[in-house]
Amino acid sequence: MGVFFSRRKKQKAERNGGRLGLLALIAVALFAASASTFWLLDKEWRQVIEAADRLVDAFLEHEIFAVREIKVKGGEKLGGAEIVALAALKHGASVWKVDPVAAEKRVAAHPWVRRVLVRREFPRRVVIEVEEREAKAIAVLGALYYVDREGFVFKQVEPGDNMDFPLLTGLEPEDLAYPTSFATRQRIQEALRLNDLMGQDPLAVSEIHFLKQGGVTLYPMTYRLALQMGWGEWEEKLSRLERVLALWKGQEERLGVLDFRFRDQVVARVK
């Protein structure tokens, strides 16, 4: 019985080997035939490929894919027409040939643009979504520059631009260069948080001065005095400020400096 099964296995192996050999011969023959005739078919294949390319081009350029609408979302400081021009998009062009990545790079180069997304909506619309920067302060760095909430100095202030922001003084251009730029942005963010806590009148701030030894000095719009705030614990210090101003109500003009750098107390200097 064992000999019978071993013979059956041998016969099966021989048949499989024969089939594999036949397949190998057929493959070799087909390769040889194709190699020998390729030079005859080369011209015909090129013609077929060229015809296919023309067909694809005709499909991509069909009027059904011509851009009929370019929709801009989120543009306020920049008008829709200006954003479209920055993206270098045109009505009538094939939507297939719109390069969203290239268009995003062009729009993102504008200083007011924080983020931008360009997408194609087939068959004939392109959508541009823009998130603009919001100026929160003006940094005095030789010239004047807008600063956003994240501490980025992003655009020089030009004649006629809105100047109704607190000034950031005491910064140097090198403070915004690598590797100190990240730490500087964090300081600006924290100072802007303090500005928000100060609120509006009568404590609205006209200037935030960054001290070389650390800390900030605030100059309110309403009161002609300096608030030496040190650094951190803003809520507690502002609570002390409210109590001091309540004690000096009606005599605020006598105050020259209020120093909050000492824990649980305020040092007042009169004019």
Protein backbone atom coordinates (compact mmCIF):
# COMPACT_ATOMS: atom_id res chain seq x y z
CA MET A 1 0.00 0.00 0.00
CA GLY A 2 2.83 2.30 0.81
CA VAL A 3 4.49 1.58 -2.54
CA PHE A 4 1.21 2.33 -4.35
CA PHE A 5 0.83 5.74 -2.74
CA SER A 6 4.45 6.63 -3.35
CA ARG A 7 4.01 5.73 -7.05
CA ARG A 8 0.86 7.84 -7.28
CA LYS A 9 2.73 10.82 -5.79
CA LYS A 10 5.59 10.30 -8.23
CA GLN A 11 3.23 10.22 -11.22
CA LYS A 12 1.41 13.35 -9.99
CA ALA A 13 4.70 15.14 -9.54
CA GLU A 14 5.80 14.18 -13.03
CA ARG A 15 2.51 15.44 -14.51
CA ASN A 16 2.82 18.74 -12.58
CA GLY A 17 6.40 19.08 -13.66
CA GLY A 18 5.40 18.53 -17.27
CA ARG A 19 2.68 21.17 -17.04
CA LEU A 20 5.08 23.67 -15.53
CA GLY A 21 7.62 22.96 -18.22
CA LEU A 22 4.98 23.42 -20.92
CA LEU A 23 3.89 26.71 -19.42
CA ALA A 24 7.49 27.86 -19.29
CA LEU A 25 7.96 26.99 -22.97
CA ILE A 26 4.78 28.86 -23.91
CA ALA A 27 5.93 31.90 -21.94
CA VAL A 28 9.30 31.87 -23.66
CA ALA A 29 7.66 31.50 -27.06
CA LEU A 30 5.31 34.42 -26.42
CA PHE A 31 8.18 36.59 -25.24
CA ALA A 32 10.22 35.71 -28.31
CA ALA A 33 7.27 36.42 -30.59
CA SER A 34 6.57 39.75 -28.96
CA ALA A 35 10.24 40.75 -29.13
CA SER A 36 10.43 39.83 -32.80
CA THR A 37 7.28 41.77 -33.72
CA PHE A 38 7.63 44.77 -31.39
CA TRP A 39 9.54 46.75 -33.98
CA LEU A 40 6.65 46.24 -36.40
CA LEU A 41 4.01 47.34 -33.88
CA ASP A 42 5.98 50.17 -32.29
CA LYS A 43 4.65 52.82 -34.65
CA GLU A 44 1.06 51.60 -34.32
CA TRP A 45 1.31 51.58 -30.51
CA ARG A 46 2.63 55.13 -30.50
CA GLN A 47 -0.31 56.20 -32.60
CA VAL A 48 -2.72 54.49 -30.23
CA ILE A 49 -1.10 56.15 -27.20
CA GLU A 50 -1.15 59.57 -28.87
CA ALA A 51 -4.81 59.11 -29.73
CA ALA A 52 -5.54 58.16 -26.13
CA ASP A 53 -3.71 61.28 -24.89
CA ARG A 54 -5.79 63.45 -27.21
CA LEU A 55 -8.94 61.79 -25.94
CA VAL A 56 -7.95 62.42 -22.30
CA ASP A 57 -7.11 66.06 -23.07
CA ALA A 58 -10.45 66.53 -24.78
CA PHE A 59 -12.19 65.03 -21.75
CA LEU A 60 -10.33 67.25 -19.27
CA GLU A 61 -10.90 70.36 -21.37
CA HIS A 62 -14.59 69.69 -21.97
CA GLU A 63 -16.77 72.70 -21.21
CA ILE A 64 -18.66 70.77 -18.55
CA PHE A 65 -15.50 71.04 -16.40
CA ALA A 66 -14.92 74.76 -17.06
CA VAL A 67 -14.84 76.68 -13.76
CA ARG A 68 -18.03 78.71 -13.49
CA GLU A 69 -17.88 79.68 -9.81
CA ILE A 70 -15.03 80.56 -7.43
CA LYS A 71 -16.46 80.86 -3.94
CA VAL A 72 -14.48 82.62 -1.19
CA LYS A 73 -15.34 82.01 2.48
CA GLY A 74 -14.02 83.99 5.42
CA GLY A 75 -12.38 86.93 3.69
CA GLU A 76 -13.02 90.22 5.52
CA LYS A 77 -9.84 92.28 5.44
CA LEU A 78 -9.11 90.82 2.01
CA GLY A 79 -11.84 91.06 -0.58
CA GLY A 80 -12.98 88.00 -2.49
CA ALA A 81 -11.63 89.35 -5.78
CA GLU A 82 -8.23 89.96 -4.19
CA ILE A 83 -8.09 86.42 -2.79
CA VAL A 84 -9.03 84.94 -6.17
CA ALA A 85 -6.30 87.02 -7.81
CA LEU A 86 -3.76 85.85 -5.20
CA ALA A 87 -4.74 82.24 -5.91
CA ALA A 88 -4.26 82.89 -9.66
CA LEU A 89 -7.58 81.24 -10.46
CA LYS A 90 -9.68 82.14 -13.50
CA HIS A 91 -13.19 81.44 -14.61
CA GLY A 92 -13.38 79.21 -17.65
CA ALA A 93 -10.23 77.22 -16.85
CA SER A 94 -10.59 73.45 -16.48
CA VAL A 95 -11.34 72.46 -12.89
CA TRP A 96 -9.01 69.48 -13.44
CA LYS A 97 -6.08 71.83 -13.93
CA VAL A 98 -6.62 73.75 -10.68
CA ASP A 99 -3.72 72.96 -8.33
CA PRO A 100 -5.11 73.42 -4.78
CA VAL A 101 -1.70 73.17 -3.09
CA ALA A 102 -0.10 75.80 -5.33
CA ALA A 103 -3.10 78.11 -4.91
CA GLU A 104 -2.93 77.73 -1.10
CA LYS A 105 0.76 78.66 -1.06
CA ARG A 106 0.09 81.82 -3.06
CA VAL A 107 -2.76 82.96 -0.82
CA ALA A 108 -0.93 82.01 2.40
CA ALA A 109 1.92 84.37 1.45
CA HIS A 110 -0.32 87.35 2.26
CA PRO A 111 0.41 88.67 5.79
CA TRP A 112 -3.26 88.81 6.83
CA VAL A 113 -3.83 85.13 5.97
CA ARG A 114 -3.45 82.71 8.88
CA ARG A 115 -4.77 79.57 7.19
CA VAL A 116 -6.20 78.78 3.76
CA LEU A 117 -7.82 75.75 2.18
CA VAL A 118 -8.54 75.42 -1.55
CA ARG A 119 -10.68 72.59 -2.85
CA ARG A 120 -12.29 71.61 -6.15
CA GLU A 121 -15.98 70.79 -6.24
CA PHE A 122 -16.71 68.94 -9.44
CA PRO A 123 -17.76 69.56 -12.04
CA ARG A 124 -17.23 73.33 -12.15
CA ARG A 125 -16.68 75.05 -8.80
CA VAL A 126 -13.63 75.98 -6.69
CA VAL A 127 -13.94 76.93 -3.01
CA ILE A 128 -11.34 79.01 -1.11
CA GLU A 129 -11.67 79.06 2.68
CA VAL A 130 -9.58 81.71 4.41
CA GLU A 131 -8.91 82.29 8.10
CA GLU A 132 -7.48 85.76 8.59
CA ARG A 133 -5.24 86.97 11.38
CA GLU A 134 -6.72 89.25 14.02
CA ALA A 135 -4.55 92.11 15.21
CA LYS A 136 -4.46 92.40 19.02
CA ALA A 137 -1.61 94.85 19.55
CA ILE A 138 1.02 96.93 17.77
CA ALA A 139 4.70 96.21 18.38
CA VAL A 140 7.13 99.12 18.27
CA LEU A 141 10.23 97.75 16.53
CA GLY A 142 11.65 100.79 14.82
CA ALA A 143 8.53 100.71 12.66
CA LEU A 144 5.08 99.66 13.86
CA TYR A 145 3.85 96.10 13.30
CA TYR A 146 0.60 94.32 13.98
CA VAL A 147 0.73 91.42 16.45
CA ASP A 148 -1.88 88.66 16.65
CA ARG A 149 -3.10 86.77 19.73
CA GLU A 150 -0.51 84.03 19.18
CA GLY A 151 2.30 86.54 19.49
CA PHE A 152 3.20 86.64 15.79
CA VAL A 153 4.41 89.93 14.37
CA PHE A 154 2.90 89.69 10.91
CA LYS A 155 2.45 93.02 9.12
CA GLN A 156 3.84 96.54 9.15
CA VAL A 157 1.26 99.20 9.98
CA GLU A 158 0.69 101.52 7.04
CA PRO A 159 -0.77 105.05 6.89
CA GLY A 160 -4.52 104.87 7.31
CA ASP A 161 -4.46 101.49 9.11
CA ASN A 162 -6.33 101.03 12.38
CA MET A 163 -4.17 102.15 15.33
CA ASP A 164 -6.66 101.43 18.10
CA PHE A 165 -4.55 98.76 19.81
CA PRO A 166 -2.22 98.74 22.82
CA LEU A 167 1.43 99.37 22.02
CA LEU A 168 4.06 96.74 22.87
CA THR A 169 7.35 98.43 23.71
CA GLY A 170 10.69 97.23 25.07
CA LEU A 171 11.04 94.46 22.47
CA GLU A 172 13.99 94.25 20.10
CA PRO A 173 14.04 92.75 16.58
CA GLU A 174 16.47 90.07 17.76
CA ASP A 175 13.88 88.95 20.32
CA LEU A 176 11.77 87.74 17.40
CA ALA A 177 14.55 85.78 15.72
CA TYR A 178 15.29 82.11 16.32
CA PRO A 179 15.93 80.69 18.92
CA THR A 180 14.41 83.37 21.19
CA SER A 181 11.30 83.87 19.04
CA PHE A 182 9.24 81.10 20.68
CA ALA A 183 9.85 82.41 24.21
CA THR A 184 9.10 85.96 23.05
CA ARG A 185 5.80 84.88 21.50
CA GLN A 186 4.85 83.19 24.78
CA ARG A 187 5.60 86.41 26.70
CA ILE A 188 3.50 88.41 24.24
CA GLN A 189 0.62 85.94 24.57
CA GLU A 190 0.68 86.22 28.35
CA ALA A 191 0.88 90.02 28.22
CA LEU A 192 -2.12 90.08 25.89
CA ARG A 193 -4.02 87.89 28.34
CA LEU A 194 -3.28 90.46 31.01
CA ASN A 195 -4.53 93.16 28.67
CA ASP A 196 -7.81 91.25 28.26
CA LEU A 197 -8.15 90.98 32.04
CA MET A 198 -7.70 94.74 32.37
CA GLY A 199 -10.81 95.12 30.25
CA GLN A 200 -12.16 98.40 28.96
CA ASP A 201 -12.45 101.83 30.62
CA PRO A 202 -11.25 102.89 33.09
CA LEU A 203 -8.44 100.30 33.05
CA ALA A 204 -7.95 99.99 29.30
CA VAL A 205 -4.23 99.82 28.51
CA SER A 206 -2.47 102.12 26.07
CA GLU A 207 1.00 100.56 26.40
CA ILE A 208 2.59 97.33 27.63
CA HIS A 209 6.31 97.78 28.23
CA PHE A 210 8.49 94.65 28.45
CA LEU A 211 11.34 95.05 30.92
CA LYS A 212 14.78 93.61 30.22
CA GLN A 213 14.96 92.05 33.67
CA GLY A 214 11.55 90.45 33.16
CA GLY A 215 8.03 91.55 33.88
CA VAL A 216 5.92 94.27 32.33
CA THR A 217 4.83 97.81 33.13
CA LEU A 218 1.36 98.91 32.06
CA TYR A 219 0.26 102.42 31.17
CA PRO A 220 -3.53 102.86 31.40
CA MET A 221 -5.40 105.27 29.14
CA THR A 222 -7.50 106.87 31.87
CA TYR A 223 -4.98 107.18 34.71
CA ARG A 224 -1.63 108.91 34.22
CA LEU A 225 0.42 106.40 36.17
CA ALA A 226 2.61 103.35 35.68
CA LEU A 227 1.58 99.90 36.90
CA GLN A 228 4.63 97.76 37.59
CA MET A 229 3.06 94.31 37.35
CA GLY A 230 6.08 92.00 37.54
CA TRP A 231 5.07 88.66 36.01
CA GLY A 232 2.20 86.27 36.59
CA GLU A 233 -0.60 86.03 39.17
CA TRP A 234 -2.51 88.63 37.18
CA GLU A 235 -5.93 88.07 38.74
CA GLU A 236 -4.66 88.52 42.29
CA LYS A 237 -2.70 91.66 41.36
CA LEU A 238 -5.68 93.19 39.60
CA SER A 239 -7.75 92.57 42.70
CA ARG A 240 -5.22 94.58 44.69
CA LEU A 241 -5.29 97.30 42.02
CA GLU A 242 -9.05 97.68 42.35
CA ARG A 243 -8.76 98.05 46.14
CA VAL A 244 -6.02 100.69 45.84
CA LEU A 245 -7.94 102.72 43.26
CA ALA A 246 -11.01 102.58 45.49
CA LEU A 247 -8.96 104.03 48.39
CA TRP A 248 -7.58 106.80 46.16
CA LYS A 249 -10.84 107.55 44.42
CA GLY A 250 -10.91 111.19 43.37
CA GLN A 251 -7.15 111.56 43.98
CA GLU A 252 -5.82 109.23 41.30
CA GLU A 253 -3.88 112.08 39.68
CA ARG A 254 -1.56 112.11 42.69
CA LEU A 255 -0.39 108.57 41.98
CA GLY A 256 2.75 108.17 39.90
CA VAL A 257 3.60 104.46 40.21
CA LEU A 258 1.86 101.43 41.67
CA ASP A 259 4.24 98.51 42.18
CA PHE A 260 2.69 95.03 42.43
CA ARG A 261 5.90 93.00 42.41
CA PHE A 262 5.74 92.31 46.16
CA ARG A 263 3.43 89.61 47.44
CA ASP A 264 0.22 90.75 49.13
CA GLN A 265 1.07 94.44 49.02
CA VAL A 266 1.22 97.45 46.75
CA VAL A 267 3.96 100.07 46.86
CA ALA A 268 2.58 103.46 45.83
CA ARG A 269 4.71 106.38 44.72
CA VAL A 270 3.07 109.75 44.53
CA LYS A 271 3.95 112.51 42.10
